[in-house]
PDB file of N, CA and C in Angstrom:
ATOM      1  N   MET A   1      -6.863  -9.080 -13.478  1.00  0.00           N
ATOM      2  CA  MET A   1      -6.492 -10.171 -12.646  1.00  0.00           C
ATOM      3  C   MET A   1      -6.240  -9.748 -11.087  1.00  0.00           C
ATOM      4  N   SER A   2      -6.831 -10.384 -10.147  1.00  0.00           N
ATOM      5  CA  SER A   2      -6.402 -10.195  -8.910  1.00  0.00           C
ATOM      6  C   SER A   2      -5.680 -11.214  -8.139  1.00  0.00           C
ATOM      7  N   ALA A   3      -4.851 -10.889  -7.114  1.00  0.00           N
ATOM      8  CA  ALA A   3      -3.929 -11.649  -6.525  1.00  0.00           C
ATOM      9  C   ALA A   3      -3.955 -11.018  -4.821  1.00  0.00           C
ATOM     10  N   THR A   4      -4.648 -12.160  -3.814  1.00  0.00           N
ATOM     11  CA  THR A   4      -4.649 -11.608  -2.809  1.00  0.00           C
ATOM     12  C   THR A   4      -3.933 -13.163  -1.662  1.00  0.00           C
ATOM     13  N   THR A   5      -3.692 -12.627  -0.767  1.00  0.00           N
ATOM     14  CA  THR A   5      -3.117 -13.566   0.392  1.00  0.00           C
ATOM     15  C   THR A   5      -3.769 -13.368   1.590  1.00  0.00           C
ATOM     16  N   SER A   6      -3.930 -14.289   2.448  1.00  0.00           N
ATOM     17  CA  SER A   6      -4.719 -14.127   3.719  1.00  0.00           C
ATOM     18  C   SER A   6      -3.533 -14.040   4.985  1.00  0.00           C
ATOM     19  N   THR A   7      -2.099 -14.162   4.381  1.00  0.00           N
ATOM     20  CA  THR A   7      -0.790 -14.296   5.365  1.00  0.00           C
ATOM     21  C   THR A   7      -0.273 -13.064   5.727  1.00  0.00           C
ATOM     22  N   GLY A   8      -0.971 -12.103   5.286  1.00  0.00           N
ATOM     23  CA  GLY A   8      -0.320 -10.874   5.704  1.00  0.00           C
ATOM     24  C   GLY A   8       0.715 -10.395   4.677  1.00  0.00           C
ATOM     25  N   LYS A   9       1.304 -11.168   3.977  1.00  0.00           N
ATOM     26  CA  LYS A   9       2.552 -10.744   2.957  1.00  0.00           C
ATOM     27  C   LYS A   9       1.853 -10.574   1.437  1.00  0.00           C
ATOM     28  N   ALA A  10       2.714  -9.525   1.022  1.00  0.00           N
ATOM     29  CA  ALA A  10       2.206  -9.102  -0.357  1.00  0.00           C
ATOM     30  C   ALA A  10       2.386  -9.929  -1.415  1.00  0.00           C
ATOM     31  N   LEU A  11       1.421 -10.169  -2.405  1.00  0.00           N
ATOM     32  CA  LEU A  11       1.535 -11.392  -3.156  1.00  0.00           C
ATOM     33  C   LEU A  11       1.541 -10.291  -4.741  1.00  0.00           C
ATOM     34  N   THR A  12       2.440 -10.237  -5.588  1.00  0.00           N
ATOM     35  CA  THR A  12       2.250  -9.730  -7.030  1.00  0.00           C
ATOM     36  C   THR A  12       1.954 -10.413  -8.051  1.00  0.00           C
ATOM     37  N   THR A  13       0.884 -10.130  -9.026  1.00  0.00           N
ATOM     38  CA  THR A  13       0.832 -10.665 -10.157  1.00  0.00           C
ATOM     39  C   THR A  13       1.265  -9.581 -11.587  1.00  0.00           C
ATOM     40  N   LYS A  14       2.163  -9.897 -12.094  1.00  0.00           N
ATOM     41  CA  LYS A  14       2.795  -9.197 -13.208  1.00  0.00           C
ATOM     42  C   LYS A  14       2.113  -9.834 -14.622  1.00  0.00           C
ATOM     43  N   THR A  15       1.676  -8.901 -15.406  1.00  0.00           N
ATOM     44  CA  THR A  15       1.579  -9.126 -16.896  1.00  0.00           C
ATOM     45  C   THR A  15       2.374  -8.247 -17.797  1.00  0.00           C
ATOM     46  N   THR A  16       2.363  -8.481 -19.128  1.00  0.00           N
ATOM     47  CA  THR A  16       3.365  -7.398 -19.964  1.00  0.00           C
ATOM     48  C   THR A  16       3.167  -6.073 -19.615  1.00  0.00           C
ATOM     49  N   PHE A  17       1.950  -5.544 -19.347  1.00  0.00           N
ATOM     50  CA  PHE A  17       2.008  -4.054 -19.175  1.00  0.00           C
ATOM     51  C   PHE A  17       1.370  -3.624 -17.827  1.00  0.00           C
ATOM     52  N   SER A  18       1.332  -4.307 -17.020  1.00  0.00           N
ATOM     53  CA  SER A  18       0.851  -3.922 -15.482  1.00  0.00           C
ATOM     54  C   SER A  18       1.249  -4.958 -14.364  1.00  0.00           C
ATOM     55  N   ARG A  19       1.209  -4.362 -13.379  1.00  0.00           N
ATOM     56  CA  ARG A  19       1.510  -5.051 -12.029  1.00  0.00           C
ATOM     57  C   ARG A  19       0.281  -4.743 -10.982  1.00  0.00           C
ATOM     58  N   GLU A  20       0.206  -6.030 -10.236  1.00  0.00           N
ATOM     59  CA  GLU A  20      -1.064  -5.583  -9.436  1.00  0.00           C
ATOM     60  C   GLU A  20      -0.427  -6.276  -8.003  1.00  0.00           C
ATOM     61  N   THR A  21      -0.345  -5.575  -6.858  1.00  0.00           N
ATOM     62  CA  THR A  21       0.109  -6.038  -5.652  1.00  0.00           C
ATOM     63  C   THR A  21      -1.072  -6.031  -4.536  1.00  0.00           C
ATOM     64  N   ALA A  22      -1.349  -7.109  -3.992  1.00  0.00           N
ATOM     65  CA  ALA A  22      -2.401  -7.181  -2.778  1.00  0.00           C
ATOM     66  C   ALA A  22      -2.243  -7.998  -1.541  1.00  0.00           C
ATOM     67  N   VAL A  23      -2.630  -7.299  -0.515  1.00  0.00           N
ATOM     68  CA  VAL A  23      -2.691  -8.040   0.781  1.00  0.00           C
ATOM     69  C   VAL A  23      -3.848  -8.052   1.375  1.00  0.00           C
ATOM     70  N   SER A  24      -4.146  -9.244   1.975  1.00  0.00           N
ATOM     71  CA  SER A  24      -5.395  -8.981   2.837  1.00  0.00           C
ATOM     72  C   SER A  24      -5.558  -9.643   4.176  1.00  0.00           C
ATOM     73  N   ILE A  25      -5.895  -8.938   5.329  1.00  0.00           N
ATOM     74  CA  ILE A  25      -5.768  -9.649   6.503  1.00  0.00           C
ATOM     75  C   ILE A  25      -6.881  -9.297   7.434  1.00  0.00           C
ATOM     76  N   GLU A  26      -7.437  -9.975   8.270  1.00  0.00           N
ATOM     77  CA  GLU A  26      -8.566  -9.441   9.120  1.00  0.00           C
ATOM     78  C   GLU A  26      -7.861  -8.522  10.393  1.00  0.00           C
ATOM     79  N   ILE A  27      -8.446  -7.383  10.430  1.00  0.00           N
ATOM     80  CA  ILE A  27      -8.280  -6.504  11.369  1.00  0.00           C
ATOM     81  C   ILE A  27      -9.253  -6.339  12.626  1.00  0.00           C
ATOM     82  N   GLN A  28      -8.832  -6.440  13.697  1.00  0.00           N
ATOM     83  CA  GLN A  28      -9.576  -6.433  14.743  1.00  0.00           C
ATOM     84  C   GLN A  28      -9.619  -5.065  15.485  1.00  0.00           C
ATOM     85  N   ALA A  29     -10.128  -4.059  14.878  1.00  0.00           N
ATOM     86  CA  ALA A  29     -10.242  -2.792  15.357  1.00  0.00           C
ATOM     87  C   ALA A  29     -11.219  -1.792  14.739  1.00  0.00           C
ATOM     88  N   ASP A  30     -11.607  -0.793  15.541  1.00  0.00           N
ATOM     89  CA  ASP A  30     -12.588   0.085  15.260  1.00  0.00           C
ATOM     90  C   ASP A  30     -12.215   0.922  13.706  1.00  0.00           C
ATOM     91  N   ALA A  31     -13.275   1.154  12.926  1.00  0.00           N
ATOM     92  CA  ALA A  31     -12.900   1.526  11.450  1.00  0.00           C
ATOM     93  C   ALA A  31     -12.302   2.757  11.410  1.00  0.00           C
ATOM     94  N   SER A  32     -12.594   3.783  12.204  1.00  0.00           N
ATOM     95  CA  SER A  32     -11.970   5.093  12.571  1.00  0.00           C
ATOM     96  C   SER A  32     -10.365   4.938  12.600  1.00  0.00           C
ATOM     97  N   ILE A  33      -9.955   4.164  13.813  1.00  0.00           N
ATOM     98  CA  ILE A  33      -8.745   3.813  14.027  1.00  0.00           C
ATOM     99  C   ILE A  33      -7.883   3.493  12.670  1.00  0.00           C
ATOM    100  N   VAL A  34      -8.626   2.216  12.141  1.00  0.00           N
ATOM    101  CA  VAL A  34      -7.919   1.801  10.982  1.00  0.00           C
ATOM    102  C   VAL A  34      -7.842   2.842   9.775  1.00  0.00           C
ATOM    103  N   TRP A  35      -8.790   3.701   9.504  1.00  0.00           N
ATOM    104  CA  TRP A  35      -8.764   4.893   8.416  1.00  0.00           C
ATOM    105  C   TRP A  35      -7.608   5.572   8.875  1.00  0.00           C
ATOM    106  N   SER A  36      -7.708   6.009  10.187  1.00  0.00           N
ATOM    107  CA  SER A  36      -6.602   7.049  10.579  1.00  0.00           C
ATOM    108  C   SER A  36      -5.215   6.506  10.216  1.00  0.00           C
ATOM    109  N   LEU A  37      -5.014   5.485  10.506  1.00  0.00           N
ATOM    110  CA  LEU A  37      -3.609   4.617  10.202  1.00  0.00           C
ATOM    111  C   LEU A  37      -3.289   4.613   8.693  1.00  0.00           C
ATOM    112  N   LEU A  38      -4.314   4.405   7.834  1.00  0.00           N
ATOM    113  CA  LEU A  38      -4.231   4.274   6.348  1.00  0.00           C
ATOM    114  C   LEU A  38      -3.887   5.629   5.674  1.00  0.00           C
ATOM    115  N   THR A  39      -4.478   6.681   6.465  1.00  0.00           N
ATOM    116  CA  THR A  39      -4.308   7.935   5.690  1.00  0.00           C
ATOM    117  C   THR A  39      -3.350   8.811   6.127  1.00  0.00           C
ATOM    118  N   ASN A  40      -2.406   8.167   7.150  1.00  0.00           N
ATOM    119  CA  ASN A  40      -1.195   8.896   7.591  1.00  0.00           C
ATOM    120  C   ASN A  40      -0.047   8.688   6.782  1.00  0.00           C
ATOM    121  N   ALA A  41       0.119   9.237   5.635  1.00  0.00           N
ATOM    122  CA  ALA A  41       1.395   8.530   4.907  1.00  0.00           C
ATOM    123  C   ALA A  41       2.641   8.847   5.567  1.00  0.00           C
ATOM    124  N   ALA A  42       2.868   9.841   6.410  1.00  0.00           N
ATOM    125  CA  ALA A  42       4.264   9.941   7.216  1.00  0.00           C
ATOM    126  C   ALA A  42       4.685   8.558   7.691  1.00  0.00           C
ATOM    127  N   ASP A  43       3.791   7.789   8.471  1.00  0.00           N
ATOM    128  CA  ASP A  43       3.918   6.697   9.122  1.00  0.00           C
ATOM    129  C   ASP A  43       3.890   5.180   8.226  1.00  0.00           C
ATOM    130  N   PHE A  44       3.797   5.271   7.018  1.00  0.00           N
ATOM    131  CA  PHE A  44       3.414   4.141   6.237  1.00  0.00           C
ATOM    132  C   PHE A  44       4.658   3.107   6.057  1.00  0.00           C
ATOM    133  N   ALA A  45       5.753   3.799   6.044  1.00  0.00           N
ATOM    134  CA  ALA A  45       7.049   2.967   5.963  1.00  0.00           C
ATOM    135  C   ALA A  45       7.530   2.358   7.246  1.00  0.00           C
ATOM    136  N   ARG A  46       6.964   2.762   8.598  1.00  0.00           N
ATOM    137  CA  ARG A  46       6.965   2.101   9.622  1.00  0.00           C
ATOM    138  C   ARG A  46       6.104   0.850   9.814  1.00  0.00           C
ATOM    139  N   TRP A  47       4.955   0.603   9.267  1.00  0.00           N
ATOM    140  CA  TRP A  47       4.211  -0.559   9.246  1.00  0.00           C
ATOM    141  C   TRP A  47       4.062  -1.366   7.952  1.00  0.00           C
ATOM    142  N   ASN A  48       4.381  -0.664   6.911  1.00  0.00           N
ATOM    143  CA  ASN A  48       4.473  -1.394   5.758  1.00  0.00           C
ATOM    144  C   ASN A  48       5.720  -1.549   4.884  1.00  0.00           C
ATOM    145  N   SER A  49       6.149  -2.908   5.254  1.00  0.00           N
ATOM    146  CA  SER A  49       7.872  -3.284   4.722  1.00  0.00           C
ATOM    147  C   SER A  49       7.826  -2.988   3.158  1.00  0.00           C
ATOM    148  N   THR A  50       6.992  -2.847   2.509  1.00  0.00           N
ATOM    149  CA  THR A  50       7.060  -2.738   0.945  1.00  0.00           C
ATOM    150  C   THR A  50       7.226  -1.226   0.454  1.00  0.00           C
ATOM    151  N   VAL A  51       6.806  -0.251   1.399  1.00  0.00           N
ATOM    152  CA  VAL A  51       6.884   1.351   1.108  1.00  0.00           C
ATOM    153  C   VAL A  51       8.095   1.903   1.630  1.00  0.00           C
ATOM    154  N   VAL A  52       8.662   2.548   0.519  1.00  0.00           N
ATOM    155  CA  VAL A  52       9.891   3.223   0.878  1.00  0.00           C
ATOM    156  C   VAL A  52       9.467   4.846   1.289  1.00  0.00           C
ATOM    157  N   SER A  53       8.913   5.298   0.369  1.00  0.00           N
ATOM    158  CA  SER A  53       8.330   6.545   0.944  1.00  0.00           C
ATOM    159  C   SER A  53       7.013   6.923   0.271  1.00  0.00           C
ATOM    160  N   ILE A  54       6.326   8.088   0.745  1.00  0.00           N
ATOM    161  CA  ILE A  54       5.040   8.478  -0.009  1.00  0.00           C
ATOM    162  C   ILE A  54       5.203  10.055   0.261  1.00  0.00           C
ATOM    163  N   GLU A  55       4.870  10.633  -0.655  1.00  0.00           N
ATOM    164  CA  GLU A  55       4.796  12.275  -0.705  1.00  0.00           C
ATOM    165  C   GLU A  55       3.394  12.383  -1.055  1.00  0.00           C
ATOM    166  N   GLY A  56       2.725  13.424  -0.476  1.00  0.00           N
ATOM    167  CA  GLY A  56       1.665  14.161  -0.459  1.00  0.00           C
ATOM    168  C   GLY A  56       0.703  13.627   0.623  1.00  0.00           C
ATOM    169  N   ASP A  57      -0.504  13.902   0.463  1.00  0.00           N
ATOM    170  CA  ASP A  57      -1.650  13.847   1.371  1.00  0.00           C
ATOM    171  C   ASP A  57      -2.354  12.624   0.819  1.00  0.00           C
ATOM    172  N   ILE A  58      -2.994  11.725   1.775  1.00  0.00           N
ATOM    173  CA  ILE A  58      -3.542  10.661   1.227  1.00  0.00           C
ATOM    174  C   ILE A  58      -5.257  11.078   1.575  1.00  0.00           C
ATOM    175  N   ALA A  59      -5.945  11.865   0.705  1.00  0.00           N
ATOM    176  CA  ALA A  59      -7.152  12.216   0.893  1.00  0.00           C
ATOM    177  C   ALA A  59      -8.037  12.272  -0.434  1.00  0.00           C
ATOM    178  N   LEU A  60      -9.300  12.492  -0.481  1.00  0.00           N
ATOM    179  CA  LEU A  60     -10.054  12.461  -1.728  1.00  0.00           C
ATOM    180  C   LEU A  60      -9.560  13.554  -2.466  1.00  0.00           C
ATOM    181  N   GLY A  61      -9.505  13.403  -3.589  1.00  0.00           N
ATOM    182  CA  GLY A  61      -9.064  14.414  -4.844  1.00  0.00           C
ATOM    183  C   GLY A  61      -7.594  14.534  -4.645  1.00  0.00           C
ATOM    184  N   GLN A  62      -6.634  13.964  -3.827  1.00  0.00           N
ATOM    185  CA  GLN A  62      -5.353  14.314  -3.769  1.00  0.00           C
ATOM    186  C   GLN A  62      -4.589  13.344  -4.528  1.00  0.00           C
ATOM    187  N   THR A  63      -3.375  13.645  -4.937  1.00  0.00           N
ATOM    188  CA  THR A  63      -2.319  12.554  -5.490  1.00  0.00           C
ATOM    189  C   THR A  63      -1.133  12.459  -4.787  1.00  0.00           C
ATOM    190  N   ILE A  64      -0.684  11.204  -4.685  1.00  0.00           N
ATOM    191  CA  ILE A  64       0.371  11.222  -3.755  1.00  0.00           C
ATOM    192  C   ILE A  64       1.472  10.343  -4.864  1.00  0.00           C
ATOM    193  N   ARG A  65       2.563  10.483  -4.338  1.00  0.00           N
ATOM    194  CA  ARG A  65       3.936   9.880  -4.911  1.00  0.00           C
ATOM    195  C   ARG A  65       4.467   8.591  -3.877  1.00  0.00           C
ATOM    196  N   LEU A  66       4.335   7.353  -4.424  1.00  0.00           N
ATOM    197  CA  LEU A  66       4.731   6.368  -3.728  1.00  0.00           C
ATOM    198  C   LEU A  66       5.775   5.673  -4.223  1.00  0.00           C
ATOM    199  N   ILE A  67       6.894   5.274  -3.574  1.00  0.00           N
ATOM    200  CA  ILE A  67       8.173   4.577  -3.718  1.00  0.00           C
ATOM    201  C   ILE A  67       8.196   3.269  -3.160  1.00  0.00           C
ATOM    202  N   SER A  68       8.267   2.078  -3.980  1.00  0.00           N
ATOM    203  CA  SER A  68       7.965   0.771  -3.147  1.00  0.00           C
ATOM    204  C   SER A  68       9.239  -0.175  -3.364  1.00  0.00           C
ATOM    205  N   THR A  69       9.273  -0.942  -2.466  1.00  0.00           N
ATOM    206  CA  THR A  69      10.432  -1.790  -2.659  1.00  0.00           C
ATOM    207  C   THR A  69      10.135  -2.982  -3.632  1.00  0.00           C
ATOM    208  N   LEU A  70       8.839  -2.822  -4.034  1.00  0.00           N
ATOM    209  CA  LEU A  70       8.569  -3.913  -5.161  1.00  0.00           C
ATOM    210  C   LEU A  70       8.996  -3.539  -6.393  1.00  0.00           C
ATOM    211  N   ASP A  71       9.040  -2.156  -6.719  1.00  0.00           N
ATOM    212  CA  ASP A  71       9.950  -1.536  -7.849  1.00  0.00           C
ATOM    213  C   ASP A  71      10.579  -0.277  -7.592  1.00  0.00           C
ATOM    214  N   PRO A  72      11.580  -0.003  -6.745  1.00  0.00           N
ATOM    215  CA  PRO A  72      11.956   1.226  -6.231  1.00  0.00           C
ATOM    216  C   PRO A  72      12.255   2.240  -7.430  1.00  0.00           C
ATOM    217  N   LYS A  73      12.480   1.911  -8.527  1.00  0.00           N
ATOM    218  CA  LYS A  73      12.782   3.016  -9.741  1.00  0.00           C
ATOM    219  C   LYS A  73      11.562   3.594 -10.151  1.00  0.00           C
ATOM    220  N   ALA A  74      10.438   2.997 -10.068  1.00  0.00           N
ATOM    221  CA  ALA A  74       9.009   3.464 -10.464  1.00  0.00           C
ATOM    222  C   ALA A  74       8.257   4.168  -9.305  1.00  0.00           C
ATOM    223  N   SER A  75       7.628   5.223  -9.407  1.00  0.00           N
ATOM    224  CA  SER A  75       6.634   5.535  -8.759  1.00  0.00           C
ATOM    225  C   SER A  75       5.211   5.703  -9.152  1.00  0.00           C
ATOM    226  N   ASN A  76       4.338   5.675  -8.099  1.00  0.00           N
ATOM    227  CA  ASN A  76       3.036   5.803  -8.787  1.00  0.00           C
ATOM    228  C   ASN A  76       2.036   6.850  -7.960  1.00  0.00           C
TER     229      ASN A  76
END
């Protein structure tokens, strides 16, 4: 099940054994700039209000540990 919103706010869909959160917004910027921002884990909490912290490098084949305000006791 997919849930999106174009308002820039997170929308969460919960089922018995899963949770999916999505946000959708049009970005008027060069793709390389957007990619640089999305892969800079250290800055996530500055621009994404649902992120408490991210540990690790956002890169192909890597694993990160993300803690979110949506469920601060869980990490993904």
